[in-house]
Structures are given as structure tokens and as C-alpha cells.
C-alpha atoms as a PDB file:
ATOM      1  CA  UNK A   1      -7.191-111.885   7.408  1.00  0.00           C
ATOM      2  CA  UNK A   2      -6.435-114.786   4.326  1.00  0.00           C
ATOM      3  CA  UNK A   3      -7.171-111.708   1.200  1.00  0.00           C
ATOM      4  CA  UNK A   4      -4.448-109.648   3.120  1.00  0.00           C
ATOM      5  CA  UNK A   5      -1.810-112.784   3.607  1.00  0.00           C
ATOM      6  CA  UNK A   6      -2.355-113.274  -0.902  1.00  0.00           C
ATOM      7  CA  UNK A   7      -1.968-109.921  -1.623  1.00  0.00           C
ATOM      8  CA  UNK A   8       1.463-109.378  -0.548  1.00  0.00           C
ATOM      9  CA  UNK A   9       4.072-108.543  -3.187  1.00  0.00           C
ATOM     10  CA  UNK A  10       4.920-107.100  -6.068  1.00  0.00           C
ATOM     11  CA  UNK A  11       1.148-106.802  -8.847  1.00  0.00           C
ATOM     12  CA  UNK A  12       1.893-105.448 -12.134  1.00  0.00           C
ATOM     13  CA  UNK A  13      -1.043-104.347 -14.253  1.00  0.00           C
ATOM     14  CA  UNK A  14      -1.891-106.344 -17.424  1.00  0.00           C
ATOM     15  CA  UNK A  15      -2.897-102.800 -19.322  1.00  0.00           C
ATOM     16  CA  UNK A  16      -0.446-100.038 -20.797  1.00  0.00           C
ATOM     17  CA  UNK A  17       0.129 -98.008 -18.852  1.00  0.00           C
ATOM     18  CA  UNK A  18       2.248 -99.967 -16.899  1.00  0.00           C
ATOM     19  CA  UNK A  19       1.054 -99.762 -13.448  1.00  0.00           C
ATOM     20  CA  UNK A  20       3.750-101.711 -10.601  1.00  0.00           C
ATOM     21  CA  UNK A  21       1.636-102.066  -6.790  1.00  0.00           C
ATOM     22  CA  UNK A  22       3.948-103.778  -4.422  1.00  0.00           C
ATOM     23  CA  UNK A  23       1.225-104.234  -1.252  1.00  0.00           C
ATOM     24  CA  UNK A  24       4.034-104.997   2.622  1.00  0.00           C
ATOM     25  CA  UNK A  25       4.150-106.826   4.910  1.00  0.00           C
ATOM     26  CA  UNK A  26       3.994-103.766   7.445  1.00  0.00           C
ATOM     27  CA  UNK A  27       0.414-102.375   5.664  1.00  0.00           C
ATOM     28  CA  UNK A  28       1.831 -99.860   3.292  1.00  0.00           C
ATOM     29  CA  UNK A  29       2.204 -99.124  -0.532  1.00  0.00           C
ATOM     30  CA  UNK A  30       3.262 -98.021  -3.076  1.00  0.00           C
ATOM     31  CA  UNK A  31       2.349 -97.258  -7.053  1.00  0.00           C
ATOM     32  CA  UNK A  32       4.236 -96.500  -9.154  1.00  0.00           C
ATOM     33  CA  UNK A  33       3.417 -96.025 -13.168  1.00  0.00           C
ATOM     34  CA  UNK A  34       5.710 -96.654 -16.458  1.00  0.00           C
ATOM     35  CA  UNK A  35       5.769 -96.397 -19.579  1.00  0.00           C
ATOM     36  CA  UNK A  36       6.146 -93.882 -22.189  1.00  0.00           C
ATOM     37  CA  UNK A  37       6.332 -90.697 -20.612  1.00  0.00           C
ATOM     38  CA  UNK A  38       4.986 -92.258 -17.578  1.00  0.00           C
ATOM     39  CA  UNK A  39       7.891 -93.517 -16.207  1.00  0.00           C
ATOM     40  CA  UNK A  40       8.940 -90.476 -15.849  1.00  0.00           C
ATOM     41  CA  UNK A  41       6.690 -88.408 -14.194  1.00  0.00           C
ATOM     42  CA  UNK A  42       6.624 -91.620 -11.760  1.00  0.00           C
ATOM     43  CA  UNK A  43      10.372 -91.300 -11.159  1.00  0.00           C
ATOM     44  CA  UNK A  44      10.462 -87.977 -10.600  1.00  0.00           C
ATOM     45  CA  UNK A  45       7.655 -87.484  -8.159  1.00  0.00           C
ATOM     46  CA  UNK A  46       7.987 -90.067  -6.896  1.00  0.00           C
ATOM     47  CA  UNK A  47       5.537 -93.565  -6.267  1.00  0.00           C
ATOM     48  CA  UNK A  48       2.324 -93.264  -4.578  1.00  0.00           C
ATOM     49  CA  UNK A  49       2.388 -94.634  -1.001  1.00  0.00           C
ATOM     50  CA  UNK A  50       0.386 -95.358   1.892  1.00  0.00           C
ATOM     51  CA  UNK A  51      -1.851 -97.230   3.592  1.00  0.00           C
ATOM     52  CA  UNK A  52      -3.291-100.959   2.869  1.00  0.00           C
ATOM     53  CA  UNK A  53      -5.594-103.556   3.760  1.00  0.00           C
ATOM     54  CA  UNK A  54      -9.324-105.752   2.913  1.00  0.00           C
ATOM     55  CA  UNK A  55     -12.257-104.558   4.010  1.00  0.00           C
ATOM     56  CA  UNK A  56     -15.476-105.652   2.564  1.00  0.00           C
ATOM     57  CA  UNK A  57     -13.839-107.690   0.205  1.00  0.00           C
ATOM     58  CA  UNK A  58     -11.848-104.994  -1.742  1.00  0.00           C
ATOM     59  CA  UNK A  59      -8.282-103.649  -2.053  1.00  0.00           C
ATOM     60  CA  UNK A  60      -8.279-100.365   0.640  1.00  0.00           C
ATOM     61  CA  UNK A  61      -5.595 -97.655  -0.392  1.00  0.00           C
ATOM     62  CA  UNK A  62      -5.660 -94.601   2.117  1.00  0.00           C
ATOM     63  CA  UNK A  63      -3.668 -92.387   0.935  1.00  0.00           C
ATOM     64  CA  UNK A  64      -2.746 -88.079   2.005  1.00  0.00           C
ATOM     65  CA  UNK A  65      -1.943 -85.574   0.063  1.00  0.00           C
ATOM     66  CA  UNK A  66       1.167 -82.235   0.235  1.00  0.00           C
ATOM     67  CA  UNK A  67      -2.056 -80.369   2.406  1.00  0.00           C
ATOM     68  CA  UNK A  68      -2.713 -83.434   4.829  1.00  0.00           C
ATOM     69  CA  UNK A  69      -5.414 -84.801   3.308  1.00  0.00           C
ATOM     70  CA  UNK A  70      -7.010 -88.250   3.635  1.00  0.00           C
ATOM     71  CA  UNK A  71      -7.789 -90.445   0.498  1.00  0.00           C
ATOM     72  CA  UNK A  72      -9.402 -93.669   0.239  1.00  0.00           C
ATOM     73  CA  UNK A  73      -9.321 -96.020  -3.019  1.00  0.00           C
ATOM     74  CA  UNK A  74     -11.718 -99.029  -2.934  1.00  0.00           C
ATOM     75  CA  UNK A  75     -11.127-101.734  -4.934  1.00  0.00           C
ATOM     76  CA  UNK A  76     -13.662-104.699  -5.550  1.00  0.00           C
ATOM     77  CA  UNK A  77     -11.762-107.786  -5.349  1.00  0.00           C
ATOM     78  CA  UNK A  78     -12.388-109.892  -8.413  1.00  0.00           C
ATOM     79  CA  UNK A  79     -10.418-112.533  -8.523  1.00  0.00           C
ATOM     80  CA  UNK A  80      -7.704-113.146  -6.477  1.00  0.00           C
ATOM     81  CA  UNK A  81      -5.057-116.349  -7.652  1.00  0.00           C
ATOM     82  CA  UNK A  82      -2.079-117.129  -7.078  1.00  0.00           C
ATOM     83  CA  UNK A  83      -0.379-115.273 -10.094  1.00  0.00           C
ATOM     84  CA  UNK A  84      -3.342-113.214 -10.714  1.00  0.00           C
ATOM     85  CA  UNK A  85      -5.824-110.639  -9.437  1.00  0.00           C
ATOM     86  CA  UNK A  86      -8.569-108.737 -10.770  1.00  0.00           C
ATOM     87  CA  UNK A  87      -9.200-105.772  -8.714  1.00  0.00           C
ATOM     88  CA  UNK A  88     -11.692-103.324  -9.640  1.00  0.00           C
ATOM     89  CA  UNK A  89     -12.611-105.400 -13.249  1.00  0.00           C
ATOM     90  CA  UNK A  90      -9.091-104.363 -13.990  1.00  0.00           C
ATOM     91  CA  UNK A  91      -6.462-107.853 -14.521  1.00  0.00           C
ATOM     92  CA  UNK A  92      -3.104-107.708 -11.824  1.00  0.00           C
ATOM     93  CA  UNK A  93       0.158-109.787 -12.371  1.00  0.00           C
ATOM     94  CA  UNK A  94       1.770-111.056  -9.496  1.00  0.00           C
ATOM     95  CA  UNK A  95       5.457-110.285  -9.678  1.00  0.00           C
ATOM     96  CA  UNK A  96       6.973-111.331  -6.752  1.00  0.00           C
ATOM     97  CA  UNK A  97       5.801-112.563  -2.841  1.00  0.00           C
ATOM     98  CA  UNK A  98       7.090-110.587  -0.191  1.00  0.00           C
ATOM     99  CA  UNK A  99       6.462-111.463   3.576  1.00  0.00           C
END
């Protein structure tokens, strides 16, 4: 799918606190918080990890919590350009393209 190929890579939010989202070619993702205090918390707990795909013009993130329950989030793809994307109304800037 074209949108999935275009989304692969590393993205950061423009807004603070900054979040970093890595969308890997194997269909997994890593979401990390950074910024004062939050970066430390993210380092201690580790990044959020799970699986991702694109469906119905939305980025779908699926993860399992400690109890094994599945949590699914749908972020509508409002804009998708080579160097930036707007997901669920929030602007993300491409840091690096992967796979």
C-alpha cells in the first residue's frame, strides 16, 4: 500500500512534549516521549511498542498492555507529504526514512 510505504521511517511531533514515532517495514512501531521529565520516564519504562498498518485512510496502532489486553488507536491521515504528515490533527516531521 502506498500510504504504508510513505509512512515508514522515523517521525517527530512539532509540538512539545516531543514524541518520536518509528514505523518499521516489518509492521512494528515504537513510540517514545522526550522532553523535560518525560524522556526520563520513557527511558525507564521503555518505548511503547506494537504493530501498525494503514486502514481506511488512518494509521492504526495496535499494542498489548501488561495484562495482555489489546489497545487499538486510529489516527486519521489528514495530510501525507514526503517530509511531513498530519495524523489525527497533529503535525509530524520526518526525521529519517527507513526500509
